[in-house]
Amino acid sequence: MKVVVTLLVVVVTLLHYGEAVKCYNKKVVECGGSCFIKTTDGDDFSELGCDPAFKNKTTVEDGVTTKYCNGDKCNSAVVSFGVSFGFNLFLLVQGTLLHQLL
């Protein structure tokens, strides 16, 4: 039974991450790739958006730093935990409680 519960938690988590991420791009948009935030030397930020390719890196080119991320609204200028963190915390607590009960 413990194996079934563990597998269920893993499958639900993977399905949750399989959804398109939401990125800031003047407004919140669905993104099939990665969100990004571009900054220039000395500026807070200059551009927020969605790149159609999946990337998880930081690039620096001609004084412009581009940081790619893959979580919901991860390219915000303000750090927030969002729904994804809360949902995953809920799954972790549920899995732990079920494990202790069984």
Protein backbone atom coordinates (compact mmCIF):
# COMPACT_ATOMS: atom_id res chain seq x y z
CA MET A 1 0.00 0.00 0.00
CA LYS A 2 2.88 2.36 0.76
CA VAL A 3 4.24 1.85 -2.75
CA VAL A 4 0.86 2.71 -4.30
CA VAL A 5 0.58 5.92 -2.27
CA THR A 6 4.14 6.91 -3.13
CA LEU A 7 3.57 6.27 -6.84
CA LEU A 8 0.33 8.25 -6.74
CA VAL A 9 2.07 11.25 -5.19
CA VAL A 10 4.86 11.07 -7.78
CA VAL A 11 2.43 10.79 -10.72
CA VAL A 12 0.30 13.72 -9.52
CA THR A 13 3.41 15.86 -9.04
CA LEU A 14 4.72 15.01 -12.52
CA LEU A 15 1.35 15.78 -14.08
CA HIS A 16 1.34 19.13 -12.31
CA TYR A 17 4.77 19.98 -13.71
CA GLY A 18 3.74 18.80 -17.19
CA GLU A 19 1.45 21.80 -17.58
CA ALA A 20 2.58 24.91 -19.40
CA VAL A 21 4.18 27.45 -17.11
CA LYS A 22 2.81 30.95 -16.71
CA CYS A 23 5.21 33.80 -17.44
CA TYR A 24 5.04 37.54 -17.08
CA ASN A 25 5.09 39.29 -20.47
CA LYS A 26 3.31 42.63 -19.86
CA LYS A 27 0.57 40.31 -18.58
CA VAL A 28 0.55 36.67 -17.47
CA VAL A 29 0.73 34.31 -20.47
CA GLU A 30 0.86 30.53 -20.90
CA CYS A 31 4.34 29.46 -22.03
CA GLY A 32 5.26 26.15 -23.64
CA GLY A 33 8.97 26.75 -23.03
CA SER A 34 10.80 28.78 -20.40
CA CYS A 35 10.22 32.19 -18.84
CA PHE A 36 13.02 34.74 -18.94
CA ILE A 37 14.07 38.03 -17.44
CA LYS A 38 16.62 40.20 -19.23
CA THR A 39 18.68 42.78 -17.38
CA THR A 40 21.22 45.25 -18.66
CA ASP A 41 24.20 46.50 -16.72
CA GLY A 42 22.92 48.77 -13.95
CA ASP A 43 19.18 48.26 -14.59
CA ASP A 44 16.73 46.32 -12.43
CA PHE A 45 15.15 44.63 -15.43
CA SER A 46 14.48 45.54 -19.02
CA GLU A 47 12.33 42.71 -20.42
CA LEU A 48 10.17 39.86 -19.16
CA GLY A 49 8.86 37.15 -21.45
CA CYS A 50 8.53 33.60 -22.72
CA ASP A 51 11.02 31.67 -24.84
CA PRO A 52 9.45 28.80 -26.80
CA ALA A 53 12.44 26.54 -26.08
CA PHE A 54 13.00 24.85 -22.71
CA LYS A 55 16.08 26.39 -21.06
CA ASN A 56 17.43 26.47 -17.54
CA LYS A 57 20.49 28.68 -17.64
CA THR A 58 21.81 32.22 -17.51
CA THR A 59 23.47 33.84 -20.51
CA VAL A 60 25.44 37.07 -20.77
CA GLU A 61 25.83 38.71 -24.17
CA ASP A 62 26.79 42.32 -24.98
CA GLY A 63 26.07 43.49 -21.43
CA VAL A 64 22.61 41.86 -21.37
CA THR A 65 22.05 39.07 -18.83
CA THR A 66 19.21 36.67 -19.60
CA LYS A 67 18.03 34.33 -16.83
CA TYR A 68 15.73 31.47 -17.84
CA CYS A 69 13.44 29.66 -15.40
CA ASN A 70 10.69 27.06 -15.56
CA GLY A 71 8.24 27.70 -12.73
CA ASP A 72 4.94 29.56 -12.73
CA LYS A 73 5.58 33.32 -12.78
CA CYS A 74 9.24 32.71 -11.98
CA ASN A 75 10.33 35.72 -14.04
CA SER A 76 8.70 38.14 -11.64
CA ALA A 77 10.68 41.11 -10.38
CA VAL A 78 9.31 40.18 -6.94
CA VAL A 79 10.10 36.79 -5.43
CA SER A 80 6.97 34.78 -4.67
CA PHE A 81 6.32 31.17 -3.79
CA GLY A 82 3.15 30.91 -5.86
CA VAL A 83 0.68 28.08 -6.29
CA SER A 84 3.29 25.56 -7.41
CA PHE A 85 5.20 25.76 -4.11
CA GLY A 86 2.00 25.54 -2.08
CA PHE A 87 0.71 22.57 -4.06
CA ASN A 88 3.98 20.69 -3.73
CA LEU A 89 4.14 21.42 -0.01
CA PHE A 90 0.59 20.08 0.32
CA LEU A 91 1.58 16.87 -1.51
CA LEU A 92 4.64 16.44 0.69
CA VAL A 93 2.61 16.83 3.89
CA GLN A 94 -0.10 14.46 2.63
CA GLY A 95 2.48 11.86 1.64
CA THR A 96 4.17 12.10 5.02
CA LEU A 97 0.88 11.78 6.91
CA LEU A 98 -0.23 8.82 4.79
CA HIS A 99 3.14 7.15 5.28
CA GLN A 100 2.82 7.48 9.06
CA LEU A 101 -0.75 6.14 9.03
CA LEU A 102 0.12 3.07 6.99
